[in-house]
C-alpha atoms as a PDB file:
ATOM      1  CA  UNK A   1       0.000   0.000   0.000  1.00  0.00           C
ATOM      2  CA  UNK A   2       2.698   2.439  -0.943  1.00  0.00           C
ATOM      3  CA  UNK A   3       0.385   4.306  -3.312  1.00  0.00           C
ATOM      4  CA  UNK A   4      -3.336   4.903  -3.808  1.00  0.00           C
ATOM      5  CA  UNK A   5      -4.498   3.884  -7.311  1.00  0.00           C
ATOM      6  CA  UNK A   6      -7.218   5.472  -9.381  1.00  0.00           C
ATOM      7  CA  UNK A   7     -10.377   3.355  -9.526  1.00  0.00           C
ATOM      8  CA  UNK A   8     -10.453   3.445 -13.341  1.00  0.00           C
ATOM      9  CA  UNK A   9      -6.973   1.881 -13.431  1.00  0.00           C
ATOM     10  CA  UNK A  10      -7.997  -1.207 -11.460  1.00  0.00           C
ATOM     11  CA  UNK A  11      -8.921  -4.430 -13.266  1.00  0.00           C
ATOM     12  CA  UNK A  12     -12.000  -5.868 -11.539  1.00  0.00           C
ATOM     13  CA  UNK A  13     -12.269  -9.022 -13.686  1.00  0.00           C
ATOM     14  CA  UNK A  14     -13.062 -11.921 -11.378  1.00  0.00           C
ATOM     15  CA  UNK A  15     -13.301  -9.655  -8.305  1.00  0.00           C
ATOM     16  CA  UNK A  16     -16.674  -9.602  -6.538  1.00  0.00           C
ATOM     17  CA  UNK A  17     -16.795  -5.917  -5.617  1.00  0.00           C
ATOM     18  CA  UNK A  18     -18.619  -3.214  -7.517  1.00  0.00           C
ATOM     19  CA  UNK A  19     -16.797  -0.145  -8.836  1.00  0.00           C
ATOM     20  CA  UNK A  20     -18.930   2.244  -6.737  1.00  0.00           C
ATOM     21  CA  UNK A  21     -17.895   0.508  -3.528  1.00  0.00           C
ATOM     22  CA  UNK A  22     -14.263   0.529  -4.591  1.00  0.00           C
ATOM     23  CA  UNK A  23     -14.459   4.210  -5.507  1.00  0.00           C
ATOM     24  CA  UNK A  24     -15.808   5.069  -2.040  1.00  0.00           C
ATOM     25  CA  UNK A  25     -12.860   3.306  -0.433  1.00  0.00           C
ATOM     26  CA  UNK A  26     -10.425   5.245  -2.603  1.00  0.00           C
ATOM     27  CA  UNK A  27     -12.069   8.656  -2.206  1.00  0.00           C
ATOM     28  CA  UNK A  28      -9.783   9.865   0.567  1.00  0.00           C
ATOM     29  CA  UNK A  29      -7.164  12.537   0.860  1.00  0.00           C
ATOM     30  CA  UNK A  30      -4.014  11.021  -0.625  1.00  0.00           C
ATOM     31  CA  UNK A  31      -1.649  12.634   1.862  1.00  0.00           C
ATOM     32  CA  UNK A  32      -3.696  11.134   4.693  1.00  0.00           C
ATOM     33  CA  UNK A  33      -3.618   7.773   2.901  1.00  0.00           C
ATOM     34  CA  UNK A  34       0.159   7.860   2.743  1.00  0.00           C
ATOM     35  CA  UNK A  35       0.330   8.607   6.474  1.00  0.00           C
ATOM     36  CA  UNK A  36      -2.106   5.756   7.138  1.00  0.00           C
ATOM     37  CA  UNK A  37       0.024   3.417   5.026  1.00  0.00           C
ATOM     38  CA  UNK A  38       3.115   4.358   7.048  1.00  0.00           C
ATOM     39  CA  UNK A  39       1.296   3.518  10.292  1.00  0.00           C
ATOM     40  CA  UNK A  40       0.141   0.136   8.969  1.00  0.00           C
ATOM     41  CA  UNK A  41       3.619  -0.771   7.707  1.00  0.00           C
ATOM     42  CA  UNK A  42       5.136   0.245  11.053  1.00  0.00           C
ATOM     43  CA  UNK A  43       2.660  -1.939  12.955  1.00  0.00           C
ATOM     44  CA  UNK A  44       3.292  -5.037  10.851  1.00  0.00           C
ATOM     45  CA  UNK A  45       7.035  -4.435  10.884  1.00  0.00           C
ATOM     46  CA  UNK A  46       6.870  -4.683  14.678  1.00  0.00           C
ATOM     47  CA  UNK A  47       4.258  -7.429  15.129  1.00  0.00           C
ATOM     48  CA  UNK A  48       3.872  -9.061  11.700  1.00  0.00           C
ATOM     49  CA  UNK A  49       6.140 -11.975  12.538  1.00  0.00           C
ATOM     50  CA  UNK A  50       4.157 -12.778  15.686  1.00  0.00           C
ATOM     51  CA  UNK A  51       0.489 -11.872  15.489  1.00  0.00           C
ATOM     52  CA  UNK A  52      -0.766 -13.828  12.451  1.00  0.00           C
ATOM     53  CA  UNK A  53       0.951 -17.042  13.571  1.00  0.00           C
ATOM     54  CA  UNK A  54      -0.394 -16.568  17.085  1.00  0.00           C
ATOM     55  CA  UNK A  55      -3.958 -16.294  15.780  1.00  0.00           C
ATOM     56  CA  UNK A  56      -3.693 -19.343  13.545  1.00  0.00           C
ATOM     57  CA  UNK A  57      -2.193 -21.495  16.278  1.00  0.00           C
ATOM     58  CA  UNK A  58      -4.632 -20.480  18.996  1.00  0.00           C
ATOM     59  CA  UNK A  59      -7.721 -20.901  16.791  1.00  0.00           C
ATOM     60  CA  UNK A  60      -7.396 -24.677  16.667  1.00  0.00           C
ATOM     61  CA  UNK A  61     -10.472 -26.307  18.174  1.00  0.00           C
ATOM     62  CA  UNK A  62     -12.349 -23.055  18.777  1.00  0.00           C
ATOM     63  CA  UNK A  63     -15.778 -22.351  17.270  1.00  0.00           C
ATOM     64  CA  UNK A  64     -14.737 -18.993  15.846  1.00  0.00           C
ATOM     65  CA  UNK A  65     -14.763 -17.573  12.336  1.00  0.00           C
ATOM     66  CA  UNK A  66     -12.003 -14.979  12.087  1.00  0.00           C
ATOM     67  CA  UNK A  67     -12.350 -12.147   9.602  1.00  0.00           C
ATOM     68  CA  UNK A  68     -10.293 -12.816   6.484  1.00  0.00           C
ATOM     69  CA  UNK A  69      -7.310 -10.571   5.817  1.00  0.00           C
ATOM     70  CA  UNK A  70      -8.902  -9.117   2.683  1.00  0.00           C
ATOM     71  CA  UNK A  71     -12.160  -8.216   4.439  1.00  0.00           C
ATOM     72  CA  UNK A  72     -10.350  -6.857   7.501  1.00  0.00           C
ATOM     73  CA  UNK A  73      -8.212  -4.582   5.346  1.00  0.00           C
ATOM     74  CA  UNK A  74     -11.326  -3.287   3.567  1.00  0.00           C
ATOM     75  CA  UNK A  75     -13.189  -2.888   6.854  1.00  0.00           C
ATOM     76  CA  UNK A  76     -10.487  -0.697   8.350  1.00  0.00           C
ATOM     77  CA  UNK A  77     -10.230   1.320   5.152  1.00  0.00           C
ATOM     78  CA  UNK A  78     -13.910   2.180   5.626  1.00  0.00           C
ATOM     79  CA  UNK A  79     -13.367   3.510   9.167  1.00  0.00           C
ATOM     80  CA  UNK A  80      -9.764   4.693   8.918  1.00  0.00           C
ATOM     81  CA  UNK A  81     -10.662   8.222  10.064  1.00  0.00           C
ATOM     82  CA  UNK A  82     -13.042   7.026  12.813  1.00  0.00           C
ATOM     83  CA  UNK A  83     -10.513   5.186  14.992  1.00  0.00           C
ATOM     84  CA  UNK A  84      -7.930   7.444  16.613  1.00  0.00           C
ATOM     85  CA  UNK A  85      -8.814   8.333  20.205  1.00  0.00           C
ATOM     86  CA  UNK A  86     -12.080   6.366  20.058  1.00  0.00           C
ATOM     87  CA  UNK A  87     -13.611   4.068  22.669  1.00  0.00           C
ATOM     88  CA  UNK A  88     -14.119   0.744  20.876  1.00  0.00           C
ATOM     89  CA  UNK A  89     -16.391  -2.237  21.525  1.00  0.00           C
ATOM     90  CA  UNK A  90     -15.435  -5.583  19.945  1.00  0.00           C
ATOM     91  CA  UNK A  91     -18.698  -7.365  20.744  1.00  0.00           C
ATOM     92  CA  UNK A  92     -18.085 -10.861  19.332  1.00  0.00           C
ATOM     93  CA  UNK A  93     -14.383 -10.790  19.959  1.00  0.00           C
ATOM     94  CA  UNK A  94     -13.329 -14.299  18.899  1.00  0.00           C
ATOM     95  CA  UNK A  95      -9.536 -13.952  18.772  1.00  0.00           C
ATOM     96  CA  UNK A  96      -9.726 -10.193  19.286  1.00  0.00           C
ATOM     97  CA  UNK A  97      -8.218  -9.363  15.910  1.00  0.00           C
ATOM     98  CA  UNK A  98     -10.607  -6.493  15.105  1.00  0.00           C
ATOM     99  CA  UNK A  99     -10.231  -4.751  18.458  1.00  0.00           C
ATOM    100  CA  UNK A 100      -6.472  -5.250  18.438  1.00  0.00           C
ATOM    101  CA  UNK A 101      -6.262  -3.737  14.963  1.00  0.00           C
ATOM    102  CA  UNK A 102      -8.276  -0.740  16.152  1.00  0.00           C
ATOM    103  CA  UNK A 103      -5.954  -0.245  19.123  1.00  0.00           C
ATOM    104  CA  UNK A 104      -2.908  -0.518  16.866  1.00  0.00           C
ATOM    105  CA  UNK A 105      -4.381   2.301  14.770  1.00  0.00           C
ATOM    106  CA  UNK A 106      -4.732   4.673  17.703  1.00  0.00           C
ATOM    107  CA  UNK A 107      -7.998   3.813  19.450  1.00  0.00           C
ATOM    108  CA  UNK A 108      -8.084   4.981  23.069  1.00  0.00           C
ATOM    109  CA  UNK A 109      -9.441   1.728  24.501  1.00  0.00           C
ATOM    110  CA  UNK A 110     -11.233  -1.459  23.541  1.00  0.00           C
ATOM    111  CA  UNK A 111     -13.742  -3.589  25.419  1.00  0.00           C
ATOM    112  CA  UNK A 112     -13.597  -7.199  24.165  1.00  0.00           C
ATOM    113  CA  UNK A 113     -16.703  -9.315  24.771  1.00  0.00           C
ATOM    114  CA  UNK A 114     -17.259 -12.980  23.952  1.00  0.00           C
ATOM    115  CA  UNK A 115     -19.285 -15.783  25.496  1.00  0.00           C
ATOM    116  CA  UNK A 116     -16.391 -18.262  25.231  1.00  0.00           C
ATOM    117  CA  UNK A 117     -13.826 -18.356  28.009  1.00  0.00           C
ATOM    118  CA  UNK A 118     -11.430 -20.150  25.662  1.00  0.00           C
ATOM    119  CA  UNK A 119     -11.748 -17.396  23.065  1.00  0.00           C
ATOM    120  CA  UNK A 120     -11.129 -14.722  25.681  1.00  0.00           C
ATOM    121  CA  UNK A 121      -7.955 -16.495  26.779  1.00  0.00           C
ATOM    122  CA  UNK A 122      -6.788 -16.133  23.180  1.00  0.00           C
ATOM    123  CA  UNK A 123      -7.790 -12.446  23.193  1.00  0.00           C
ATOM    124  CA  UNK A 124      -5.755 -11.864  26.340  1.00  0.00           C
ATOM    125  CA  UNK A 125      -2.682 -13.562  24.879  1.00  0.00           C
ATOM    126  CA  UNK A 126      -2.978 -11.703  21.585  1.00  0.00           C
ATOM    127  CA  UNK A 127      -3.394  -8.331  23.298  1.00  0.00           C
ATOM    128  CA  UNK A 128      -0.224  -8.994  25.264  1.00  0.00           C
ATOM    129  CA  UNK A 129       1.647 -10.051  22.119  1.00  0.00           C
ATOM    130  CA  UNK A 130       0.553  -6.886  20.322  1.00  0.00           C
ATOM    131  CA  UNK A 131       1.455  -4.697  23.294  1.00  0.00           C
ATOM    132  CA  UNK A 132      -2.067  -3.313  23.741  1.00  0.00           C
ATOM    133  CA  UNK A 133      -3.082  -5.111  26.928  1.00  0.00           C
ATOM    134  CA  UNK A 134      -3.124  -1.891  28.989  1.00  0.00           C
ATOM    135  CA  UNK A 135      -5.801  -0.390  26.733  1.00  0.00           C
ATOM    136  CA  UNK A 136      -7.861  -3.596  26.757  1.00  0.00           C
ATOM    137  CA  UNK A 137     -10.807  -4.652  28.927  1.00  0.00           C
ATOM    138  CA  UNK A 138     -11.813  -8.296  28.432  1.00  0.00           C
ATOM    139  CA  UNK A 139     -15.235  -9.543  29.584  1.00  0.00           C
ATOM    140  CA  UNK A 140     -17.183 -12.788  29.218  1.00  0.00           C
ATOM    141  CA  UNK A 141     -20.880 -12.739  28.418  1.00  0.00           C
ATOM    142  CA  UNK A 142     -23.668 -13.176  25.882  1.00  0.00           C
ATOM    143  CA  UNK A 143     -23.978 -10.111  23.680  1.00  0.00           C
ATOM    144  CA  UNK A 144     -27.618  -9.218  24.394  1.00  0.00           C
ATOM    145  CA  UNK A 145     -27.461  -9.645  28.171  1.00  0.00           C
ATOM    146  CA  UNK A 146     -24.128  -7.846  28.275  1.00  0.00           C
ATOM    147  CA  UNK A 147     -25.465  -4.838  26.364  1.00  0.00           C
ATOM    148  CA  UNK A 148     -28.460  -4.667  28.697  1.00  0.00           C
ATOM    149  CA  UNK A 149     -26.129  -4.164  31.670  1.00  0.00           C
ATOM    150  CA  UNK A 150     -23.248  -2.067  30.320  1.00  0.00           C
ATOM    151  CA  UNK A 151     -23.295   1.716  30.424  1.00  0.00           C
ATOM    152  CA  UNK A 152     -21.022   2.742  27.558  1.00  0.00           C
ATOM    153  CA  UNK A 153     -20.875   4.954  25.631  1.00  0.00           C
ATOM    154  CA  UNK A 154     -18.783   3.726  22.720  1.00  0.00           C
ATOM    155  CA  UNK A 155     -17.577   5.681  19.710  1.00  0.00           C
ATOM    156  CA  UNK A 156     -16.970   2.635  17.517  1.00  0.00           C
ATOM    157  CA  UNK A 157     -18.473  -0.861  17.688  1.00  0.00           C
ATOM    158  CA  UNK A 158     -17.198  -3.808  15.655  1.00  0.00           C
ATOM    159  CA  UNK A 159     -19.571  -6.757  15.187  1.00  0.00           C
ATOM    160  CA  UNK A 160     -18.458 -10.012  13.589  1.00  0.00           C
ATOM    161  CA  UNK A 161     -20.769 -12.706  15.023  1.00  0.00           C
ATOM    162  CA  UNK A 162     -21.358 -16.258  13.783  1.00  0.00           C
ATOM    163  CA  UNK A 163     -23.265 -16.165  10.504  1.00  0.00           C
ATOM    164  CA  UNK A 164     -26.850 -17.300   9.760  1.00  0.00           C
ATOM    165  CA  UNK A 165     -28.343 -16.592  13.198  1.00  0.00           C
ATOM    166  CA  UNK A 166     -29.749 -13.063  12.633  1.00  0.00           C
ATOM    167  CA  UNK A 167     -27.521 -11.991  15.509  1.00  0.00           C
ATOM    168  CA  UNK A 168     -26.719  -8.513  14.225  1.00  0.00           C
ATOM    169  CA  UNK A 169     -30.379  -7.593  13.689  1.00  0.00           C
ATOM    170  CA  UNK A 170     -31.129  -8.738  17.245  1.00  0.00           C
ATOM    171  CA  UNK A 171     -28.388  -6.741  18.991  1.00  0.00           C
ATOM    172  CA  UNK A 172     -28.502  -3.481  17.010  1.00  0.00           C
ATOM    173  CA  UNK A 173     -31.451  -1.962  18.939  1.00  0.00           C
ATOM    174  CA  UNK A 174     -29.694  -2.672  22.242  1.00  0.00           C
ATOM    175  CA  UNK A 175     -26.382  -1.372  20.955  1.00  0.00           C
ATOM    176  CA  UNK A 176     -27.948   1.862  19.687  1.00  0.00           C
ATOM    177  CA  UNK A 177     -28.502   3.112  23.237  1.00  0.00           C
ATOM    178  CA  UNK A 178     -24.853   2.477  24.112  1.00  0.00           C
ATOM    179  CA  UNK A 179     -23.322   4.450  21.246  1.00  0.00           C
ATOM    180  CA  UNK A 180     -22.085   8.019  21.672  1.00  0.00           C
ATOM    181  CA  UNK A 181     -23.477  10.745  19.400  1.00  0.00           C
ATOM    182  CA  UNK A 182     -21.759  10.399  16.041  1.00  0.00           C
ATOM    183  CA  UNK A 183     -20.814   6.809  16.876  1.00  0.00           C
ATOM    184  CA  UNK A 184     -20.148   4.242  14.147  1.00  0.00           C
ATOM    185  CA  UNK A 185     -21.132   0.563  14.117  1.00  0.00           C
ATOM    186  CA  UNK A 186     -19.558  -1.770  11.566  1.00  0.00           C
ATOM    187  CA  UNK A 187     -21.196  -5.174  11.118  1.00  0.00           C
ATOM    188  CA  UNK A 188     -19.936  -8.205   9.215  1.00  0.00           C
ATOM    189  CA  UNK A 189     -22.595 -10.680   8.072  1.00  0.00           C
ATOM    190  CA  UNK A 190     -23.365 -13.150   5.335  1.00  0.00           C
ATOM    191  CA  UNK A 191     -24.254 -11.325   2.107  1.00  0.00           C
ATOM    192  CA  UNK A 192     -27.924 -12.347   2.183  1.00  0.00           C
ATOM    193  CA  UNK A 193     -28.499 -11.146   5.774  1.00  0.00           C
ATOM    194  CA  UNK A 194     -31.579  -8.949   6.147  1.00  0.00           C
ATOM    195  CA  UNK A 195     -30.611  -5.894   8.198  1.00  0.00           C
ATOM    196  CA  UNK A 196     -32.851  -2.967   9.196  1.00  0.00           C
ATOM    197  CA  UNK A 197     -32.521   0.511   7.729  1.00  0.00           C
ATOM    198  CA  UNK A 198     -33.060   1.904  11.231  1.00  0.00           C
ATOM    199  CA  UNK A 199     -32.323   0.368  14.642  1.00  0.00           C
ATOM    200  CA  UNK A 200     -33.122   2.762  17.451  1.00  0.00           C
ATOM    201  CA  UNK A 201     -30.868   5.781  16.983  1.00  0.00           C
ATOM    202  CA  UNK A 202     -28.704   3.921  14.459  1.00  0.00           C
ATOM    203  CA  UNK A 203     -29.143   4.523  10.726  1.00  0.00           C
ATOM    204  CA  UNK A 204     -27.804   2.266   7.990  1.00  0.00           C
ATOM    205  CA  UNK A 205     -25.681   4.534   5.781  1.00  0.00           C
ATOM    206  CA  UNK A 206     -23.668   2.162   3.557  1.00  0.00           C
ATOM    207  CA  UNK A 207     -23.155  -1.496   2.689  1.00  0.00           C
ATOM    208  CA  UNK A 208     -20.189  -3.160   1.010  1.00  0.00           C
ATOM    209  CA  UNK A 209     -20.094  -6.628  -0.545  1.00  0.00           C
ATOM    210  CA  UNK A 210     -16.988  -8.824  -0.584  1.00  0.00           C
ATOM    211  CA  UNK A 211     -17.818 -12.181  -2.122  1.00  0.00           C
ATOM    212  CA  UNK A 212     -20.182 -13.957   0.285  1.00  0.00           C
ATOM    213  CA  UNK A 213     -19.606 -11.356   3.012  1.00  0.00           C
ATOM    214  CA  UNK A 214     -21.437  -8.083   3.590  1.00  0.00           C
ATOM    215  CA  UNK A 215     -20.139  -5.212   5.709  1.00  0.00           C
ATOM    216  CA  UNK A 216     -22.739  -2.695   6.895  1.00  0.00           C
ATOM    217  CA  UNK A 217     -22.031   0.721   8.377  1.00  0.00           C
ATOM    218  CA  UNK A 218     -24.474   2.251  10.855  1.00  0.00           C
ATOM    219  CA  UNK A 219     -24.146   5.679  12.419  1.00  0.00           C
ATOM    220  CA  UNK A 220     -25.799   7.395  15.340  1.00  0.00           C
ATOM    221  CA  UNK A 221     -26.686  11.006  14.618  1.00  0.00           C
ATOM    222  CA  UNK A 222     -25.058  13.885  16.437  1.00  0.00           C
ATOM    223  CA  UNK A 223     -27.234  15.257  19.243  1.00  0.00           C
ATOM    224  CA  UNK A 224     -28.294  18.876  18.809  1.00  0.00           C
END
């Protein structure tokens, strides 16, 4: 990612992403993109020889579905200017890769939540490996019951639950009340998932398709 290409120069043959979606990902200030690229390269130069192998090794035997590298890169391109200094919620943490990535990009803190004690042990180890354990809060619990009892607020929420259970549609109304004004929620689901246009104070503003995966961006309006 040393340079930012023009969308018309990219060959999309055999790639399941529409040109409009790609154009939205590339419509950023190019100086800011270069700075972002430097930060990403610096992170992987420091942790690249440890973190991916750690995740692969620790995932054995766990019922988790980690976000693919391609989708994760696209996901963080979508929110690249909504991370620094933010309070993050990684609601279906799995291995913690989304929350850890957010912390590595300058998030203030991240609350990792998962129902599996085994998964949270992996999250704890990975946070330590990445050097972000001091900014991490790791909790065990079911998403809906947890949201009913947590105060928040959060500036950014990352949702990557198991597919085909309508989980995102179920938790969005609860999550809406926990988001700060201007907060962003990014959800990863199967492409055919039926998600609401409105969930409490959250409004669906954009969706991106990557093969069989759909990423949906919700935002909570700024309070007047």
